[in-house]
Amino acid sequence: TNPPTEEVIETSMVTQRKPIVKPPLKKVKSDQSSLFQHFKRTSQPKIVVSPRPCASDNPPAKNTEVINLSNDEIAEKPKKTATWNQIFRPPTPPPFCSGHKERCVIRQVKDTSSNNWGRYFYVCSRANGASNNPQARCDHFSW
């Protein structure tokens, strides 16, 4: 009785080992645009030049609106420039050291165990030396 059950198991295993053929994946259209569409060249905007109206002609209201928009943009430009200059202002110059009256150099705290880790400070730009040497670094320190 044992051999027939083994054959049935083997045949069932053979039927389970058939390769599964997957259908080809279909592209699903989405509402999101393609990345390549952002890099396509678009036609340059056409500039329409209209003749200046004479003193006797009444200017259309459209031209008046365009002029008003351009005046608004001109008025906003200094405000925008001032705002960006506040955001991206140049770094302040380093202070002068108290001993030599020369510009200091900026340093950063490297000790990771310190509470001041990563903080910047200013010291005299001269090299280390004896305390009685006037050419050596003075004791200037500032945060």
Protein backbone atom coordinates (compact mmCIF):
# COMPACT_ATOMS: atom_id res chain seq x y z
CA THR A 1 0.00 0.00 0.00
CA ASN A 2 2.91 2.34 0.51
CA PRO A 3 4.14 2.56 -3.11
CA PRO A 4 0.86 3.92 -4.59
CA THR A 5 0.69 6.77 -2.04
CA GLU A 6 4.25 7.76 -2.83
CA GLU A 7 3.43 7.94 -6.54
CA VAL A 8 0.46 10.16 -5.87
CA ILE A 9 2.60 12.53 -3.80
CA GLU A 10 5.23 12.66 -6.53
CA THR A 11 2.69 13.41 -9.23
CA SER A 12 1.10 16.09 -7.11
CA MET A 13 4.52 17.63 -6.55
CA VAL A 14 5.20 17.58 -10.26
CA THR A 15 1.99 19.42 -11.00
CA GLN A 16 2.88 22.07 -8.44
CA ARG A 17 6.27 22.71 -10.03
CA LYS A 18 4.89 24.03 -13.29
CA PRO A 19 6.42 27.39 -14.10
CA ILE A 20 4.08 30.27 -13.51
CA VAL A 21 3.88 32.63 -16.44
CA LYS A 22 3.18 36.17 -15.37
CA PRO A 23 1.23 38.39 -17.73
CA PRO A 24 3.16 41.42 -19.00
CA LEU A 25 2.79 44.48 -16.82
CA LYS A 26 0.62 47.19 -18.29
CA LYS A 27 1.49 50.80 -17.76
CA VAL A 28 -1.15 52.56 -15.78
CA LYS A 29 -1.82 56.13 -16.82
CA SER A 30 -1.69 58.51 -13.92
CA ASP A 31 -2.62 62.14 -13.52
CA GLN A 32 0.97 62.94 -12.57
CA SER A 33 3.06 64.39 -15.38
CA SER A 34 6.31 62.84 -16.49
CA LEU A 35 9.62 64.16 -15.24
CA PHE A 36 10.76 64.72 -18.81
CA GLN A 37 7.96 67.20 -19.39
CA HIS A 38 9.69 69.66 -17.09
CA PHE A 39 12.76 69.69 -19.32
CA LYS A 40 11.06 70.02 -22.69
CA ARG A 41 11.68 73.20 -24.57
CA THR A 42 8.70 75.39 -24.79
CA SER A 43 8.19 78.04 -27.38
CA GLN A 44 9.38 81.44 -26.31
CA PRO A 45 6.65 83.89 -25.42
CA LYS A 46 5.68 86.15 -28.24
CA ILE A 47 6.18 89.82 -27.63
CA VAL A 48 3.43 91.88 -29.10
CA VAL A 49 4.35 95.46 -29.82
CA SER A 50 1.42 97.79 -30.12
CA PRO A 51 1.76 101.25 -31.61
CA ARG A 52 1.60 104.16 -29.20
CA PRO A 53 -1.77 105.84 -29.20
CA CYS A 54 -1.99 109.40 -30.39
CA ALA A 55 -3.23 112.17 -28.13
CA SER A 56 -6.60 112.07 -29.87
CA ASP A 57 -7.06 108.30 -29.43
CA ASN A 58 -8.40 106.89 -26.19
CA PRO A 59 -6.06 104.22 -24.80
CA PRO A 60 -7.74 100.89 -24.09
CA ALA A 61 -8.16 99.81 -20.46
CA LYS A 62 -5.97 96.74 -21.04
CA ASN A 63 -2.88 98.84 -21.71
CA THR A 64 -3.52 100.84 -18.54
CA GLU A 65 -3.58 97.63 -16.47
CA VAL A 66 -0.32 96.45 -18.00
CA ILE A 67 1.32 99.76 -17.16
CA ASN A 68 0.00 99.58 -13.59
CA LEU A 69 1.38 96.05 -13.16
CA SER A 70 4.79 97.09 -14.39
CA ASN A 71 4.79 100.05 -11.97
CA ASP A 72 3.88 97.70 -9.10
CA GLU A 73 6.72 95.39 -10.03
CA ILE A 74 9.12 98.31 -10.16
CA ALA A 75 7.95 99.47 -6.73
CA GLU A 76 8.34 95.98 -5.20
CA LYS A 77 11.85 95.37 -6.55
CA PRO A 78 13.70 97.45 -3.89
CA LYS A 79 11.65 95.79 -1.15
CA LYS A 80 12.54 92.33 -2.46
CA THR A 81 16.20 93.28 -2.77
CA ALA A 82 16.29 94.56 0.81
CA THR A 83 14.65 91.37 2.06
CA TRP A 84 17.15 89.13 0.27
CA ASN A 85 20.05 91.27 1.48
CA GLN A 86 18.91 90.71 5.06
CA ILE A 87 18.71 86.95 4.53
CA PHE A 88 22.02 86.59 2.69
CA ARG A 89 24.01 89.28 4.39
CA PRO A 90 27.80 88.93 4.27
CA PRO A 91 29.52 87.68 7.42
CA THR A 92 30.66 90.32 9.87
CA PRO A 93 34.40 90.98 9.77
CA PRO A 94 36.39 89.49 12.64
CA PRO A 95 37.25 91.82 15.53
CA PHE A 96 40.69 93.29 16.16
CA CYS A 97 42.82 91.63 18.84
CA SER A 98 43.45 93.73 21.93
CA GLY A 99 47.25 93.29 21.94
CA HIS A 100 48.32 93.91 18.33
CA LYS A 101 45.24 95.66 16.86
CA GLU A 102 45.19 93.13 13.98
CA ARG A 103 42.26 91.09 12.67
CA CYS A 104 41.56 87.93 14.66
CA VAL A 105 41.04 84.48 13.19
CA ILE A 106 37.87 82.47 13.67
CA ARG A 107 38.14 79.03 15.31
CA GLN A 108 35.64 76.34 16.24
CA VAL A 109 35.38 74.27 19.42
CA LYS A 110 36.27 70.67 18.47
CA ASP A 111 35.84 69.02 21.89
CA THR A 112 32.63 66.95 21.59
CA SER A 113 32.31 66.55 25.37
CA SER A 114 32.10 70.33 25.84
CA ASN A 115 28.82 72.23 26.02
CA ASN A 116 30.31 74.68 23.51
CA TRP A 117 30.99 72.03 20.85
CA GLY A 118 30.73 73.55 17.36
CA ARG A 119 30.66 77.11 18.66
CA TYR A 120 32.88 79.69 16.94
CA PHE A 121 35.30 82.03 18.70
CA TYR A 122 37.99 84.57 17.80
CA VAL A 123 41.64 84.55 18.86
CA CYS A 124 44.74 86.52 17.88
CA SER A 125 46.04 85.54 14.44
CA ARG A 126 49.69 85.38 15.45
CA ALA A 127 51.59 82.18 16.27
CA ASN A 128 52.10 80.86 19.79
CA GLY A 129 55.21 81.98 21.63
CA ALA A 130 56.60 83.06 24.97
CA SER A 131 54.41 85.40 26.98
CA ASN A 132 57.16 88.07 27.08
CA ASN A 133 57.62 88.01 23.25
CA PRO A 134 55.69 90.92 21.63
CA GLN A 135 55.63 89.06 18.29
CA ALA A 136 53.75 86.08 19.82
CA ARG A 137 49.99 85.55 20.18
CA CYS A 138 48.31 87.82 22.70
CA ASP A 139 45.65 86.67 25.17
CA HIS A 140 42.70 88.00 23.15
CA PHE A 141 39.62 85.72 23.15
CA SER A 142 36.02 86.46 22.22
CA TRP A 143 32.98 84.40 21.28
